[in-house]
């Protein structure tokens, strides 16, 4: 079975969108991936999620939630930030796991070589990855 790959990174949020429509998420190839706009929820999901009955129905069997454009923009930016940082976060976790295994080995074998430097380097790497994922860098 062939693995289907997602659209190449980085993704961005379009600077242009019509006033009535929400922002679009654009792939590295310049083509849209998704529009972040009106939210319709199927009736079964309304019941499963325990949502209130005061949603007005645009179509039979659907509940509709009106969201402000600023929320659409924030959602698009959040999705893009999460997607663009996914691989880096996974790699940081793999590296941290390897570093911690090495530190445990050093402690178990009483060598203690470079443990302080390894801990500091691992913590710095984790802090940088977290800051990037939070949009702080």
N, C-alpha and C. Protein backbone atom coordinates (compact mmCIF):
# COMPACT_ATOMS: atom_id res chain seq x y z
N UNK A 1 0.84 -1.17 0.00
CA UNK A 1 0.00 0.00 0.00
C UNK A 1 0.88 1.24 0.00
N UNK A 2 0.59 2.18 -0.85
CA UNK A 2 1.37 3.41 -0.96
C UNK A 2 0.91 4.42 0.08
N UNK A 3 1.89 5.02 0.76
CA UNK A 3 1.56 6.04 1.75
C UNK A 3 1.29 7.35 1.03
N UNK A 4 0.15 7.96 1.35
CA UNK A 4 -0.22 9.24 0.77
C UNK A 4 0.41 10.34 1.62
N UNK A 5 1.12 11.22 1.00
CA UNK A 5 1.79 12.32 1.71
C UNK A 5 0.91 13.57 1.66
N UNK A 6 1.04 14.36 2.69
CA UNK A 6 0.30 15.63 2.73
C UNK A 6 0.98 16.64 1.80
N UNK A 7 0.31 17.74 1.58
CA UNK A 7 0.86 18.82 0.76
C UNK A 7 2.16 19.31 1.39
N UNK A 8 3.19 19.56 0.58
CA UNK A 8 4.48 19.99 1.12
C UNK A 8 4.38 21.25 1.98
N UNK A 9 5.26 21.30 2.96
CA UNK A 9 5.35 22.44 3.89
C UNK A 9 6.35 23.46 3.37
N UNK A 10 6.33 24.67 3.85
CA UNK A 10 5.45 25.19 4.88
C UNK A 10 4.10 25.61 4.30
N UNK A 11 3.10 25.55 5.16
CA UNK A 11 1.79 26.08 4.82
C UNK A 11 1.72 27.50 5.34
N UNK A 12 0.87 28.31 4.74
CA UNK A 12 0.69 29.69 5.17
C UNK A 12 -0.81 30.02 5.19
N UNK A 13 -1.12 31.13 5.82
CA UNK A 13 -2.49 31.64 5.80
C UNK A 13 -2.53 32.72 4.74
N UNK A 14 -3.47 32.62 3.83
CA UNK A 14 -3.60 33.59 2.76
C UNK A 14 -3.79 35.00 3.31
N UNK A 15 -3.12 35.96 2.70
CA UNK A 15 -3.31 37.36 3.06
C UNK A 15 -4.59 37.92 2.46
N UNK A 16 -5.13 37.22 1.47
CA UNK A 16 -6.30 37.73 0.77
C UNK A 16 -7.46 36.76 0.96
N UNK A 17 -8.59 37.28 1.33
CA UNK A 17 -9.83 36.52 1.30
C UNK A 17 -10.99 37.50 1.23
N UNK A 18 -12.05 37.02 0.65
CA UNK A 18 -13.23 37.87 0.51
C UNK A 18 -13.85 38.09 1.88
N UNK A 19 -14.50 39.23 2.03
CA UNK A 19 -15.08 39.61 3.31
C UNK A 19 -16.06 38.56 3.84
N UNK A 20 -16.81 37.93 2.97
CA UNK A 20 -17.81 36.95 3.38
C UNK A 20 -17.21 35.59 3.70
N UNK A 21 -16.03 35.29 3.14
CA UNK A 21 -15.40 33.99 3.33
C UNK A 21 -14.23 34.14 4.29
N UNK A 22 -13.89 33.06 4.94
CA UNK A 22 -12.76 33.08 5.86
C UNK A 22 -11.44 32.93 5.14
N UNK A 23 -10.35 32.96 5.90
CA UNK A 23 -9.03 32.83 5.32
C UNK A 23 -8.79 31.42 4.77
N UNK A 24 -7.90 31.32 3.81
CA UNK A 24 -7.54 30.03 3.23
C UNK A 24 -6.16 29.63 3.71
N UNK A 25 -5.96 28.33 3.87
CA UNK A 25 -4.64 27.79 4.18
C UNK A 25 -4.03 27.38 2.84
N UNK A 26 -2.82 27.87 2.58
CA UNK A 26 -2.15 27.68 1.29
C UNK A 26 -0.92 26.80 1.46
N UNK A 27 -0.74 25.86 0.55
CA UNK A 27 0.43 24.99 0.59
C UNK A 27 1.66 25.67 0.02
N UNK A 28 2.82 25.03 0.19
CA UNK A 28 4.08 25.57 -0.32
C UNK A 28 4.03 25.75 -1.84
N UNK A 29 3.15 24.99 -2.49
CA UNK A 29 3.01 25.10 -3.95
C UNK A 29 2.14 26.28 -4.37
N UNK A 30 1.59 27.01 -3.39
CA UNK A 30 0.78 28.19 -3.69
C UNK A 30 -0.69 27.92 -3.90
N UNK A 31 -1.10 26.66 -3.80
CA UNK A 31 -2.50 26.31 -4.01
C UNK A 31 -3.21 26.11 -2.67
N UNK A 32 -4.51 26.42 -2.62
CA UNK A 32 -5.26 26.27 -1.37
C UNK A 32 -5.34 24.82 -0.90
N UNK A 33 -5.31 24.65 0.41
CA UNK A 33 -5.48 23.35 1.05
C UNK A 33 -6.85 23.29 1.70
N UNK A 34 -7.21 24.36 2.39
CA UNK A 34 -8.49 24.39 3.11
C UNK A 34 -8.93 25.83 3.32
N UNK A 35 -10.23 26.00 3.39
CA UNK A 35 -10.81 27.28 3.78
C UNK A 35 -11.25 27.15 5.23
N UNK A 36 -10.98 28.17 6.00
CA UNK A 36 -11.40 28.18 7.40
C UNK A 36 -12.53 29.19 7.48
N UNK A 37 -13.75 28.67 7.50
CA UNK A 37 -14.91 29.56 7.50
C UNK A 37 -16.07 28.94 8.23
N UNK A 38 -17.29 29.27 7.83
CA UNK A 38 -18.49 28.84 8.53
C UNK A 38 -18.41 27.39 9.00
N UNK A 39 -18.98 27.15 10.16
CA UNK A 39 -18.94 25.83 10.76
C UNK A 39 -20.34 25.25 10.80
N UNK A 40 -20.54 24.17 10.08
CA UNK A 40 -21.81 23.45 10.14
C UNK A 40 -21.55 22.12 10.82
N UNK A 41 -22.45 21.73 11.70
CA UNK A 41 -22.30 20.47 12.43
C UNK A 41 -23.51 19.62 12.13
N UNK A 42 -23.27 18.39 11.74
CA UNK A 42 -24.37 17.48 11.45
C UNK A 42 -25.16 17.20 12.73
N UNK A 43 -26.44 16.93 12.59
CA UNK A 43 -27.34 16.75 13.73
C UNK A 43 -26.85 15.67 14.68
N UNK A 44 -26.33 14.57 14.15
CA UNK A 44 -25.84 13.50 15.02
C UNK A 44 -24.71 13.99 15.92
N UNK A 45 -23.88 14.87 15.39
CA UNK A 45 -22.79 15.41 16.20
C UNK A 45 -23.33 16.36 17.26
N UNK A 46 -24.36 17.11 16.94
CA UNK A 46 -24.98 18.01 17.92
C UNK A 46 -25.43 17.18 19.12
N UNK A 47 -26.09 16.06 18.84
CA UNK A 47 -26.56 15.19 19.92
C UNK A 47 -25.39 14.55 20.66
N UNK A 48 -24.41 14.04 19.93
CA UNK A 48 -23.27 13.36 20.55
C UNK A 48 -22.44 14.31 21.40
N UNK A 49 -22.32 15.55 20.96
CA UNK A 49 -21.53 16.53 21.70
C UNK A 49 -22.32 17.23 22.80
N UNK A 50 -23.64 16.99 22.82
CA UNK A 50 -24.48 17.61 23.84
C UNK A 50 -24.59 19.11 23.68
N UNK A 51 -24.59 19.58 22.42
CA UNK A 51 -24.70 21.01 22.17
C UNK A 51 -26.12 21.50 22.44
N UNK A 52 -26.25 22.78 22.78
CA UNK A 52 -27.60 23.32 23.04
C UNK A 52 -28.45 23.32 21.77
N UNK A 53 -29.75 23.32 21.95
CA UNK A 53 -30.69 23.28 20.83
C UNK A 53 -30.92 24.63 20.18
N UNK A 54 -30.22 25.68 20.60
CA UNK A 54 -30.51 27.02 20.09
C UNK A 54 -29.73 27.39 18.83
N UNK A 55 -29.07 26.41 18.20
CA UNK A 55 -28.42 26.69 16.91
C UNK A 55 -29.49 26.77 15.84
N UNK A 56 -29.40 27.77 15.00
CA UNK A 56 -30.40 27.84 13.93
C UNK A 56 -29.93 26.98 12.76
N UNK A 57 -30.86 26.37 12.10
CA UNK A 57 -30.54 25.44 11.02
C UNK A 57 -30.56 26.14 9.68
N UNK A 58 -29.45 26.04 8.94
CA UNK A 58 -29.40 26.57 7.59
C UNK A 58 -30.00 25.55 6.62
N UNK A 59 -29.72 24.29 6.86
CA UNK A 59 -30.25 23.19 6.07
C UNK A 59 -30.83 22.18 7.03
N UNK A 60 -31.84 21.43 6.61
CA UNK A 60 -32.38 20.40 7.50
C UNK A 60 -31.28 19.42 7.92
N UNK A 61 -31.24 19.12 9.22
CA UNK A 61 -30.26 18.16 9.70
C UNK A 61 -28.91 18.75 10.02
N UNK A 62 -28.77 20.07 9.95
CA UNK A 62 -27.50 20.71 10.26
C UNK A 62 -27.70 21.78 11.32
N UNK A 63 -26.71 21.92 12.15
CA UNK A 63 -26.68 23.04 13.09
C UNK A 63 -25.56 23.96 12.63
N UNK A 64 -25.73 25.23 12.82
CA UNK A 64 -24.77 26.20 12.30
C UNK A 64 -24.29 27.09 13.44
N UNK A 65 -23.01 27.32 13.51
CA UNK A 65 -22.45 28.18 14.54
C UNK A 65 -21.81 29.38 13.86
N UNK A 66 -22.26 30.55 14.20
CA UNK A 66 -21.70 31.80 13.65
C UNK A 66 -20.42 32.13 14.43
N UNK A 67 -19.33 32.30 13.73
CA UNK A 67 -18.06 32.66 14.36
C UNK A 67 -17.57 33.98 13.77
N UNK A 68 -16.93 34.81 14.57
CA UNK A 68 -16.39 36.06 14.04
C UNK A 68 -15.18 35.81 13.14
N UNK A 69 -14.96 36.71 12.18
CA UNK A 69 -13.85 36.56 11.24
C UNK A 69 -12.51 36.46 11.97
N UNK A 70 -12.36 37.16 13.08
CA UNK A 70 -11.11 37.11 13.85
C UNK A 70 -10.84 35.69 14.36
N UNK A 71 -11.90 34.97 14.70
CA UNK A 71 -11.74 33.59 15.16
C UNK A 71 -11.33 32.69 14.00
N UNK A 72 -11.92 32.92 12.81
CA UNK A 72 -11.48 32.17 11.63
C UNK A 72 -9.99 32.37 11.38
N UNK A 73 -9.55 33.63 11.46
CA UNK A 73 -8.15 33.95 11.23
C UNK A 73 -7.27 33.27 12.28
N UNK A 74 -7.67 33.34 13.55
CA UNK A 74 -6.89 32.70 14.62
C UNK A 74 -6.85 31.19 14.43
N UNK A 75 -7.96 30.59 14.00
CA UNK A 75 -7.99 29.14 13.76
C UNK A 75 -7.05 28.76 12.63
N UNK A 76 -7.08 29.53 11.54
CA UNK A 76 -6.19 29.24 10.41
C UNK A 76 -4.73 29.36 10.83
N UNK A 77 -4.40 30.40 11.58
CA UNK A 77 -3.02 30.58 12.04
C UNK A 77 -2.59 29.45 12.98
N UNK A 78 -3.50 29.00 13.83
CA UNK A 78 -3.20 27.91 14.75
C UNK A 78 -2.94 26.61 13.98
N UNK A 79 -3.79 26.31 13.01
CA UNK A 79 -3.63 25.10 12.20
C UNK A 79 -2.29 25.13 11.47
N UNK A 80 -1.98 26.25 10.84
CA UNK A 80 -0.73 26.38 10.09
C UNK A 80 0.48 26.22 11.01
N UNK A 81 0.44 26.87 12.17
CA UNK A 81 1.56 26.77 13.12
C UNK A 81 1.74 25.32 13.58
N UNK A 82 0.63 24.63 13.89
CA UNK A 82 0.70 23.24 14.34
C UNK A 82 1.27 22.34 13.25
N UNK A 83 0.78 22.50 12.03
CA UNK A 83 1.25 21.67 10.92
C UNK A 83 2.73 21.92 10.63
N UNK A 84 3.11 23.20 10.56
CA UNK A 84 4.49 23.53 10.20
C UNK A 84 5.49 23.11 11.28
N UNK A 85 5.06 22.97 12.53
CA UNK A 85 5.96 22.58 13.61
C UNK A 85 5.89 21.11 13.98
N UNK A 86 5.01 20.37 13.35
CA UNK A 86 4.78 18.97 13.72
C UNK A 86 6.06 18.13 13.64
N UNK A 87 6.71 18.13 12.51
CA UNK A 87 7.90 17.29 12.33
C UNK A 87 9.03 17.71 13.28
N UNK A 88 9.21 19.03 13.46
CA UNK A 88 10.26 19.51 14.36
C UNK A 88 9.98 19.07 15.80
N UNK A 89 8.72 19.12 16.21
CA UNK A 89 8.38 18.66 17.57
C UNK A 89 8.61 17.17 17.73
N UNK A 90 8.23 16.38 16.72
CA UNK A 90 8.49 14.95 16.78
C UNK A 90 9.99 14.66 16.89
N UNK A 91 10.79 15.35 16.08
CA UNK A 91 12.23 15.14 16.12
C UNK A 91 12.82 15.56 17.46
N UNK A 92 12.32 16.66 18.02
CA UNK A 92 12.79 17.10 19.33
C UNK A 92 12.47 16.06 20.39
N UNK A 93 11.28 15.48 20.33
CA UNK A 93 10.93 14.43 21.29
C UNK A 93 11.80 13.19 21.11
N UNK A 94 12.07 12.81 19.87
CA UNK A 94 12.95 11.66 19.64
C UNK A 94 14.35 11.94 20.19
N UNK A 95 14.87 13.14 19.92
CA UNK A 95 16.20 13.51 20.42
C UNK A 95 16.24 13.55 21.94
N UNK A 96 15.18 14.10 22.55
CA UNK A 96 15.11 14.15 24.01
C UNK A 96 15.06 12.74 24.60
N UNK A 97 14.28 11.87 23.96
CA UNK A 97 14.21 10.48 24.42
C UNK A 97 15.59 9.83 24.36
N UNK A 98 16.31 10.00 23.25
CA UNK A 98 17.66 9.44 23.12
C UNK A 98 18.60 10.01 24.18
N UNK A 99 18.52 11.32 24.40
CA UNK A 99 19.39 11.96 25.39
C UNK A 99 19.09 11.43 26.80
N UNK A 100 17.82 11.29 27.12
CA UNK A 100 17.45 10.78 28.44
C UNK A 100 17.88 9.32 28.62
N UNK A 101 17.76 8.52 27.58
CA UNK A 101 18.24 7.13 27.66
C UNK A 101 19.74 7.10 27.93
N UNK A 102 20.47 8.00 27.27
CA UNK A 102 21.91 8.08 27.49
C UNK A 102 22.24 8.50 28.92
N UNK A 103 21.48 9.44 29.46
CA UNK A 103 21.70 9.90 30.84
C UNK A 103 21.40 8.78 31.83
N UNK A 104 20.31 8.04 31.59
CA UNK A 104 19.97 6.91 32.47
C UNK A 104 21.09 5.88 32.44
N UNK A 105 21.59 5.60 31.26
CA UNK A 105 22.69 4.64 31.12
C UNK A 105 23.91 5.12 31.93
N UNK A 106 24.24 6.42 31.78
CA UNK A 106 25.38 6.97 32.52
C UNK A 106 25.18 6.83 34.03
N UNK A 107 23.97 7.13 34.51
CA UNK A 107 23.70 7.00 35.95
C UNK A 107 23.78 5.54 36.40
N UNK A 108 23.20 4.65 35.60
CA UNK A 108 23.18 3.23 35.97
C UNK A 108 24.59 2.64 35.99
N UNK A 109 25.45 3.16 35.17
CA UNK A 109 26.82 2.63 35.08
C UNK A 109 27.83 3.53 35.79
N UNK A 110 27.30 4.46 36.59
CA UNK A 110 28.12 5.33 37.43
C UNK A 110 29.19 6.12 36.67
N UNK A 111 28.98 6.36 35.42
CA UNK A 111 29.98 7.15 34.71
C UNK A 111 29.70 8.63 34.90
N UNK A 112 28.43 9.03 34.79
CA UNK A 112 28.05 10.41 35.01
C UNK A 112 28.72 11.40 34.06
N UNK A 113 29.31 10.91 32.99
CA UNK A 113 30.03 11.78 32.05
C UNK A 113 29.06 12.70 31.33
N UNK A 114 29.37 13.97 31.36
CA UNK A 114 28.64 14.99 30.59
C UNK A 114 27.14 15.06 30.88
N UNK A 115 26.69 14.50 32.00
CA UNK A 115 25.26 14.48 32.27
C UNK A 115 24.71 15.89 32.40
N UNK A 116 25.41 16.77 33.12
CA UNK A 116 24.93 18.15 33.27
C UNK A 116 24.82 18.85 31.92
N UNK A 117 25.83 18.70 31.09
CA UNK A 117 25.81 19.32 29.76
C UNK A 117 24.70 18.72 28.91
N UNK A 118 24.49 17.41 29.01
CA UNK A 118 23.43 16.75 28.25
C UNK A 118 22.05 17.25 28.68
N UNK A 119 21.87 17.39 30.00
CA UNK A 119 20.58 17.87 30.51
C UNK A 119 20.32 19.29 30.02
N UNK A 120 21.32 20.16 30.15
CA UNK A 120 21.15 21.55 29.72
C UNK A 120 20.86 21.65 28.23
N UNK A 121 21.60 20.89 27.42
CA UNK A 121 21.38 20.91 25.97
C UNK A 121 19.98 20.40 25.63
N UNK A 122 19.56 19.31 26.27
CA UNK A 122 18.23 18.74 26.01
C UNK A 122 17.14 19.73 26.40
N UNK A 123 17.27 20.36 27.55
CA UNK A 123 16.28 21.34 28.00
C UNK A 123 16.21 22.54 27.06
N UNK A 124 17.35 23.03 26.60
CA UNK A 124 17.36 24.16 25.66
C UNK A 124 16.66 23.79 24.36
N UNK A 125 16.93 22.60 23.87
CA UNK A 125 16.32 22.13 22.62
C UNK A 125 14.80 22.03 22.78
N UNK A 126 14.35 21.49 23.90
CA UNK A 126 12.91 21.36 24.16
C UNK A 126 12.28 22.75 24.28
N UNK A 127 12.91 23.65 25.01
CA UNK A 127 12.37 25.01 25.18
C UNK A 127 12.26 25.74 23.85
N UNK A 128 13.25 25.58 22.97
CA UNK A 128 13.21 26.22 21.65
C UNK A 128 12.06 25.66 20.81
N UNK A 129 11.89 24.34 20.84
CA UNK A 129 10.81 23.71 20.06
C UNK A 129 9.44 24.15 20.58
N UNK A 130 9.30 24.21 21.89
CA UNK A 130 8.02 24.64 22.46
C UNK A 130 7.72 26.10 22.12
N UNK A 131 8.73 26.96 22.20
CA UNK A 131 8.52 28.38 21.86
C UNK A 131 8.08 28.52 20.41
N UNK A 132 8.71 27.77 19.52
CA UNK A 132 8.36 27.84 18.11
C UNK A 132 6.93 27.34 17.89
N UNK A 133 6.56 26.25 18.56
CA UNK A 133 5.21 25.70 18.41
C UNK A 133 4.16 26.65 18.96
N UNK A 134 4.52 27.44 19.98
CA UNK A 134 3.59 28.41 20.56
C UNK A 134 3.57 29.72 19.77
N UNK A 135 4.44 29.84 18.77
CA UNK A 135 4.48 31.07 17.97
C UNK A 135 5.25 32.17 18.67
N UNK A 136 6.13 31.82 19.58
CA UNK A 136 6.90 32.82 20.35
C UNK A 136 8.26 33.12 19.74
N UNK A 137 8.60 32.43 18.67
CA UNK A 137 9.91 32.69 18.06
C UNK A 137 9.78 32.97 16.59
